[in-house]
PDB file of N, CA and C in Angstrom:
ATOM      1  N   MET A   1       1.010  -1.225   0.486  1.00  0.00           N
ATOM      2  CA  MET A   1       0.136  -0.131   0.049  1.00  0.00           C
ATOM      3  C   MET A   1       0.572   1.346   0.253  1.00  0.00           C
ATOM      4  N   LYS A   2       0.681   1.739  -0.514  1.00  0.00           N
ATOM      5  CA  LYS A   2       2.113   3.613  -0.790  1.00  0.00           C
ATOM      6  C   LYS A   2       1.510   4.359   0.206  1.00  0.00           C
ATOM      7  N   ASN A   3       2.372   5.433   0.489  1.00  0.00           N
ATOM      8  CA  ASN A   3       1.931   5.687   2.005  1.00  0.00           C
ATOM      9  C   ASN A   3       1.132   7.569   0.908  1.00  0.00           C
ATOM     10  N   LEU A   4      -0.085   7.514   1.650  1.00  0.00           N
ATOM     11  CA  LEU A   4      -0.659   8.467   0.661  1.00  0.00           C
ATOM     12  C   LEU A   4      -0.878   9.860   1.164  1.00  0.00           C
ATOM     13  N   GLN A   5      -0.243  10.998   1.303  1.00  0.00           N
ATOM     14  CA  GLN A   5      -0.058  12.443   2.603  1.00  0.00           C
ATOM     15  C   GLN A   5      -1.227  13.239   0.731  1.00  0.00           C
ATOM     16  N   ILE A   6      -2.168  13.985   2.266  1.00  0.00           N
ATOM     17  CA  ILE A   6      -3.340  14.478   2.055  1.00  0.00           C
ATOM     18  C   ILE A   6      -3.342  15.756   2.764  1.00  0.00           C
ATOM     19  N   LYS A   7      -2.623  17.136   1.982  1.00  0.00           N
ATOM     20  CA  LYS A   7      -2.049  18.110   2.892  1.00  0.00           C
ATOM     21  C   LYS A   7      -3.359  19.832   2.770  1.00  0.00           C
ATOM     22  N   SER A   8      -3.820  19.995   3.913  1.00  0.00           N
ATOM     23  CA  SER A   8      -4.997  21.210   3.997  1.00  0.00           C
ATOM     24  C   SER A   8      -4.508  22.711   2.486  1.00  0.00           C
ATOM     25  N   VAL A   9      -5.604  22.700   2.117  1.00  0.00           N
ATOM     26  CA  VAL A   9      -4.608  24.132   1.443  1.00  0.00           C
ATOM     27  C   VAL A   9      -4.434  25.430   2.323  1.00  0.00           C
ATOM     28  N   PHE A  10      -4.735  25.734   2.948  1.00  0.00           N
ATOM     29  CA  PHE A  10      -4.373  26.200   4.765  1.00  0.00           C
ATOM     30  C   PHE A  10      -3.403  26.381   5.305  1.00  0.00           C
ATOM     31  N   GLU A  11      -3.001  25.065   5.081  1.00  0.00           N
ATOM     32  CA  GLU A  11      -1.664  24.709   5.636  1.00  0.00           C
ATOM     33  C   GLU A  11      -0.367  25.869   5.838  1.00  0.00           C
ATOM     34  N   ARG A  12      -0.424  26.709   4.244  1.00  0.00           N
ATOM     35  CA  ARG A  12       0.509  27.888   3.631  1.00  0.00           C
ATOM     36  C   ARG A  12      -0.019  29.470   4.003  1.00  0.00           C
ATOM     37  N   ILE A  13      -1.579  29.533   4.476  1.00  0.00           N
ATOM     38  CA  ILE A  13      -1.454  30.442   5.237  1.00  0.00           C
ATOM     39  C   ILE A  13      -1.982  30.645   6.193  1.00  0.00           C
ATOM     40  N   ALA A  14      -2.037  29.150   7.764  1.00  0.00           N
ATOM     41  CA  ALA A  14      -2.861  29.287   8.652  1.00  0.00           C
ATOM     42  C   ALA A  14      -2.217  29.884   8.915  1.00  0.00           C
ATOM     43  N   PRO A  15      -1.058  30.838   9.279  1.00  0.00           N
ATOM     44  CA  PRO A  15      -0.248  31.225  10.118  1.00  0.00           C
ATOM     45  C   PRO A  15      -0.344  32.321  10.252  1.00  0.00           C
ATOM     46  N   GLN A  16      -0.812  33.190   9.007  1.00  0.00           N
ATOM     47  CA  GLN A  16      -1.174  34.647   9.033  1.00  0.00           C
ATOM     48  C   GLN A  16      -3.237  34.650   9.291  1.00  0.00           C
ATOM     49  N   ILE A  17      -3.317  33.132   9.003  1.00  0.00           N
ATOM     50  CA  ILE A  17      -4.800  33.806   9.643  1.00  0.00           C
ATOM     51  C   ILE A  17      -4.872  33.682  11.465  1.00  0.00           C
ATOM     52  N   PHE A  18      -4.156  33.308  11.929  1.00  0.00           N
ATOM     53  CA  PHE A  18      -4.197  33.248  13.462  1.00  0.00           C
ATOM     54  C   PHE A  18      -2.993  34.500  13.973  1.00  0.00           C
ATOM     55  N   ALA A  19      -2.625  34.899  13.146  1.00  0.00           N
ATOM     56  CA  ALA A  19      -1.839  36.314  14.057  1.00  0.00           C
ATOM     57  C   ALA A  19      -2.625  37.594  13.112  1.00  0.00           C
ATOM     58  N   GLU A  20      -3.768  37.499  12.408  1.00  0.00           N
ATOM     59  CA  GLU A  20      -5.178  38.292  12.251  1.00  0.00           C
ATOM     60  C   GLU A  20      -5.676  38.597  12.959  1.00  0.00           C
ATOM     61  N   THR A  21      -5.996  39.801  14.162  1.00  0.00           N
ATOM     62  CA  THR A  21      -6.800  39.897  14.904  1.00  0.00           C
ATOM     63  C   THR A  21      -8.411  40.858  14.674  1.00  0.00           C
ATOM     64  N   ASP A  22      -8.189  40.891  13.045  1.00  0.00           N
ATOM     65  CA  ASP A  22      -9.933  41.534  13.149  1.00  0.00           C
ATOM     66  C   ASP A  22     -10.361  40.174  11.903  1.00  0.00           C
ATOM     67  N   ILE A  23     -11.363  39.538  11.834  1.00  0.00           N
ATOM     68  CA  ILE A  23     -11.872  38.428  11.737  1.00  0.00           C
ATOM     69  C   ILE A  23     -12.181  39.011   9.944  1.00  0.00           C
ATOM     70  N   ASN A  24     -12.426  39.690   9.670  1.00  0.00           N
ATOM     71  CA  ASN A  24     -12.966  40.526   8.987  1.00  0.00           C
ATOM     72  C   ASN A  24     -11.608  40.526   7.632  1.00  0.00           C
ATOM     73  N   LYS A  25     -10.689  40.694   8.323  1.00  0.00           N
ATOM     74  CA  LYS A  25      -9.812  41.235   7.484  1.00  0.00           C
ATOM     75  C   LYS A  25      -8.992  39.211   7.268  1.00  0.00           C
ATOM     76  N   ALA A  26      -9.619  39.076   7.960  1.00  0.00           N
ATOM     77  CA  ALA A  26      -8.783  37.148   8.233  1.00  0.00           C
ATOM     78  C   ALA A  26      -9.758  36.257   6.867  1.00  0.00           C
ATOM     79  N   LYS A  27     -10.740  36.895   6.836  1.00  0.00           N
ATOM     80  CA  LYS A  27     -11.888  35.874   5.880  1.00  0.00           C
ATOM     81  C   LYS A  27     -11.248  35.941   4.538  1.00  0.00           C
ATOM     82  N   ALA A  28     -11.383  37.556   5.085  1.00  0.00           N
ATOM     83  CA  ALA A  28     -10.720  38.107   3.666  1.00  0.00           C
ATOM     84  C   ALA A  28      -9.602  37.406   2.421  1.00  0.00           C
ATOM     85  N   LEU A  29      -8.187  37.637   4.016  1.00  0.00           N
ATOM     86  CA  LEU A  29      -7.298  36.708   3.235  1.00  0.00           C
ATOM     87  C   LEU A  29      -7.469  34.894   3.096  1.00  0.00           C
ATOM     88  N   ALA A  30      -8.309  34.659   3.642  1.00  0.00           N
ATOM     89  CA  ALA A  30      -8.682  33.021   2.919  1.00  0.00           C
ATOM     90  C   ALA A  30      -9.334  32.562   2.080  1.00  0.00           C
ATOM     91  N   LEU A  31     -10.053  34.242   1.491  1.00  0.00           N
ATOM     92  CA  LEU A  31     -11.352  33.976   1.125  1.00  0.00           C
ATOM     93  C   LEU A  31     -10.185  33.706  -0.453  1.00  0.00           C
ATOM     94  N   THR A  32      -9.582  35.185  -0.431  1.00  0.00           N
ATOM     95  CA  THR A  32      -8.997  35.615  -1.407  1.00  0.00           C
ATOM     96  C   THR A  32      -7.641  34.316  -1.970  1.00  0.00           C
ATOM     97  N   PHE A  33      -7.562  33.768  -1.117  1.00  0.00           N
ATOM     98  CA  PHE A  33      -6.282  33.006  -1.460  1.00  0.00           C
ATOM     99  C   PHE A  33      -7.102  31.299  -2.160  1.00  0.00           C
ATOM    100  N   ILE A  34      -8.269  31.144  -1.523  1.00  0.00           N
ATOM    101  CA  ILE A  34      -8.937  29.663  -2.124  1.00  0.00           C
ATOM    102  C   ILE A  34      -9.010  30.103  -3.400  1.00  0.00           C
ATOM    103  N   ASN A  35      -9.490  31.232  -3.539  1.00  0.00           N
ATOM    104  CA  ASN A  35      -9.997  31.687  -5.268  1.00  0.00           C
ATOM    105  C   ASN A  35      -8.413  31.558  -5.868  1.00  0.00           C
ATOM    106  N   GLU A  36      -7.880  31.310  -5.289  1.00  0.00           N
ATOM    107  CA  GLU A  36      -6.485  31.597  -6.483  1.00  0.00           C
ATOM    108  C   GLU A  36      -6.000  30.128  -6.367  1.00  0.00           C
ATOM    109  N   THR A  37      -6.353  29.255  -5.814  1.00  0.00           N
ATOM    110  CA  THR A  37      -5.889  27.998  -5.372  1.00  0.00           C
ATOM    111  C   THR A  37      -6.477  27.512  -6.678  1.00  0.00           C
ATOM    112  N   LYS A  38      -5.775  25.679  -6.945  1.00  0.00           N
ATOM    113  CA  LYS A  38      -6.389  25.063  -7.956  1.00  0.00           C
ATOM    114  C   LYS A  38      -8.170  24.207  -7.554  1.00  0.00           C
ATOM    115  N   VAL A  39      -8.328  24.597  -6.177  1.00  0.00           N
ATOM    116  CA  VAL A  39      -9.376  23.991  -5.632  1.00  0.00           C
ATOM    117  C   VAL A  39     -10.377  23.236  -6.533  1.00  0.00           C
ATOM    118  N   ASN A  40     -11.179  21.762  -6.889  1.00  0.00           N
ATOM    119  CA  ASN A  40     -12.426  22.309  -7.846  1.00  0.00           C
ATOM    120  C   ASN A  40     -13.492  23.211  -7.154  1.00  0.00           C
ATOM    121  N   VAL A  41     -14.461  23.660  -8.018  1.00  0.00           N
ATOM    122  CA  VAL A  41     -15.338  24.525  -8.157  1.00  0.00           C
ATOM    123  C   VAL A  41     -16.651  24.249  -6.633  1.00  0.00           C
ATOM    124  N   GLU A  42     -16.439  22.816  -6.759  1.00  0.00           N
ATOM    125  CA  GLU A  42     -17.536  22.357  -5.918  1.00  0.00           C
ATOM    126  C   GLU A  42     -17.258  22.325  -4.229  1.00  0.00           C
ATOM    127  N   ASP A  43     -16.145  22.397  -4.278  1.00  0.00           N
ATOM    128  CA  ASP A  43     -14.841  22.512  -3.057  1.00  0.00           C
ATOM    129  C   ASP A  43     -15.230  23.680  -2.442  1.00  0.00           C
ATOM    130  N   LYS A  44     -14.137  24.782  -3.203  1.00  0.00           N
ATOM    131  CA  LYS A  44     -14.400  26.405  -3.167  1.00  0.00           C
ATOM    132  C   LYS A  44     -15.769  26.942  -2.524  1.00  0.00           C
ATOM    133  N   ALA A  45     -16.743  26.122  -3.389  1.00  0.00           N
ATOM    134  CA  ALA A  45     -17.622  26.941  -2.807  1.00  0.00           C
ATOM    135  C   ALA A  45     -17.886  26.538  -1.879  1.00  0.00           C
ATOM    136  N   LYS A  46     -18.730  25.379  -0.948  1.00  0.00           N
ATOM    137  CA  LYS A  46     -17.858  24.873   0.209  1.00  0.00           C
ATOM    138  C   LYS A  46     -17.529  25.489   1.486  1.00  0.00           C
ATOM    139  N   ILE A  47     -16.254  25.702   0.480  1.00  0.00           N
ATOM    140  CA  ILE A  47     -15.575  26.184   1.280  1.00  0.00           C
ATOM    141  C   ILE A  47     -15.885  28.152   1.972  1.00  0.00           C
ATOM    142  N   THR A  48     -15.980  28.711   0.953  1.00  0.00           N
ATOM    143  CA  THR A  48     -16.578  29.960   0.547  1.00  0.00           C
ATOM    144  C   THR A  48     -17.850  29.626   1.561  1.00  0.00           C
ATOM    145  N   LYS A  49     -18.735  28.898   1.495  1.00  0.00           N
ATOM    146  CA  LYS A  49     -20.006  29.410   2.369  1.00  0.00           C
ATOM    147  C   LYS A  49     -19.423  28.802   3.717  1.00  0.00           C
ATOM    148  N   ASP A  50     -18.482  28.042   3.941  1.00  0.00           N
ATOM    149  CA  ASP A  50     -18.025  27.926   5.374  1.00  0.00           C
ATOM    150  C   ASP A  50     -17.757  28.729   5.989  1.00  0.00           C
ATOM    151  N   ILE A  51     -16.467  29.950   5.382  1.00  0.00           N
ATOM    152  CA  ILE A  51     -15.472  30.570   5.849  1.00  0.00           C
ATOM    153  C   ILE A  51     -17.094  31.909   6.017  1.00  0.00           C
ATOM    154  N   THR A  52     -18.016  32.319   4.734  1.00  0.00           N
ATOM    155  CA  THR A  52     -19.042  33.050   5.430  1.00  0.00           C
ATOM    156  C   THR A  52     -19.486  33.111   6.977  1.00  0.00           C
ATOM    157  N   GLU A  53     -19.945  32.122   6.755  1.00  0.00           N
ATOM    158  CA  GLU A  53     -20.425  31.648   8.074  1.00  0.00           C
ATOM    159  C   GLU A  53     -20.055  31.451   9.252  1.00  0.00           C
ATOM    160  N   CYS A  54     -19.179  31.628   9.350  1.00  0.00           N
ATOM    161  CA  CYS A  54     -18.610  31.906  10.760  1.00  0.00           C
ATOM    162  C   CYS A  54     -19.277  33.583  11.493  1.00  0.00           C
ATOM    163  N   LYS A  55     -19.566  33.615  12.809  1.00  0.00           N
ATOM    164  CA  LYS A  55     -19.693  34.570  12.895  1.00  0.00           C
ATOM    165  C   LYS A  55     -19.011  34.882  13.669  1.00  0.00           C
ATOM    166  N   SER A  56     -17.690  34.788  14.438  1.00  0.00           N
ATOM    167  CA  SER A  56     -16.317  35.392  15.077  1.00  0.00           C
ATOM    168  C   SER A  56     -15.353  34.419  14.850  1.00  0.00           C
ATOM    169  N   MET A  57     -14.308  35.194  15.435  1.00  0.00           N
ATOM    170  CA  MET A  57     -12.765  34.994  14.821  1.00  0.00           C
ATOM    171  C   MET A  57     -12.750  33.465  15.189  1.00  0.00           C
ATOM    172  N   TYR A  58     -13.513  33.077  16.643  1.00  0.00           N
ATOM    173  CA  TYR A  58     -13.083  31.833  17.850  1.00  0.00           C
ATOM    174  C   TYR A  58     -13.271  30.815  16.334  1.00  0.00           C
ATOM    175  N   ALA A  59     -14.462  30.291  16.116  1.00  0.00           N
ATOM    176  CA  ALA A  59     -15.446  30.137  15.222  1.00  0.00           C
ATOM    177  C   ALA A  59     -14.436  30.021  13.598  1.00  0.00           C
ATOM    178  N   PHE A  60     -13.694  30.773  13.237  1.00  0.00           N
ATOM    179  CA  PHE A  60     -13.309  30.880  12.398  1.00  0.00           C
ATOM    180  C   PHE A  60     -11.984  30.041  12.728  1.00  0.00           C
ATOM    181  N   GLN A  61     -11.302  29.992  13.490  1.00  0.00           N
ATOM    182  CA  GLN A  61      -9.899  29.529  13.965  1.00  0.00           C
ATOM    183  C   GLN A  61     -10.334  28.531  13.678  1.00  0.00           C
ATOM    184  N   ARG A  62     -11.369  27.874  14.521  1.00  0.00           N
ATOM    185  CA  ARG A  62     -12.156  26.151  15.051  1.00  0.00           C
ATOM    186  C   ARG A  62     -11.785  25.798  13.479  1.00  0.00           C
ATOM    187  N   TYR A  63     -12.683  26.740  12.896  1.00  0.00           N
ATOM    188  CA  TYR A  63     -12.844  25.998  11.125  1.00  0.00           C
ATOM    189  C   TYR A  63     -11.411  25.936  10.756  1.00  0.00           C
ATOM    190  N   ILE A  64     -10.426  26.673  10.593  1.00  0.00           N
ATOM    191  CA  ILE A  64      -9.207  26.431   9.582  1.00  0.00           C
ATOM    192  C   ILE A  64      -8.835  25.432  10.761  1.00  0.00           C
ATOM    193  N   CYS A  65      -8.402  24.912  11.932  1.00  0.00           N
ATOM    194  CA  CYS A  65      -7.954  23.689  12.683  1.00  0.00           C
ATOM    195  C   CYS A  65      -8.233  23.397  12.662  1.00  0.00           C
ATOM    196  N   ASN A  66      -9.775  22.887  12.572  1.00  0.00           N
ATOM    197  CA  ASN A  66     -10.342  21.587  11.770  1.00  0.00           C
ATOM    198  C   ASN A  66     -10.111  21.055  10.198  1.00  0.00           C
ATOM    199  N   SER A  67      -9.382  22.118   9.559  1.00  0.00           N
ATOM    200  CA  SER A  67      -9.220  21.423   8.506  1.00  0.00           C
ATOM    201  C   SER A  67      -7.905  21.462   7.443  1.00  0.00           C
ATOM    202  N   LEU A  68      -7.450  21.748   9.168  1.00  0.00           N
ATOM    203  CA  LEU A  68      -6.042  21.042   8.953  1.00  0.00           C
ATOM    204  C   LEU A  68      -5.509  19.766   9.647  1.00  0.00           C
ATOM    205  N   LEU A  69      -6.100  19.732  10.173  1.00  0.00           N
ATOM    206  CA  LEU A  69      -5.909  17.812  10.946  1.00  0.00           C
ATOM    207  C   LEU A  69      -6.093  17.164   9.829  1.00  0.00           C
TER     208      LEU A  69
END
């Protein structure tokens, strides 16, 4: 069996997101990054929806953490 490695698209920008104190700036950073990636259209739509539904920095950071698992 081949060793498969799956990485989150947020792995590259997670430090920047966690350093940000303003939720709107953090969301904008994530959304801009996602739109520039080669993630398929359906996944981009789901990620965008999930990000925009986060109402607090805590909820947004938890979403990012869970995506990194």
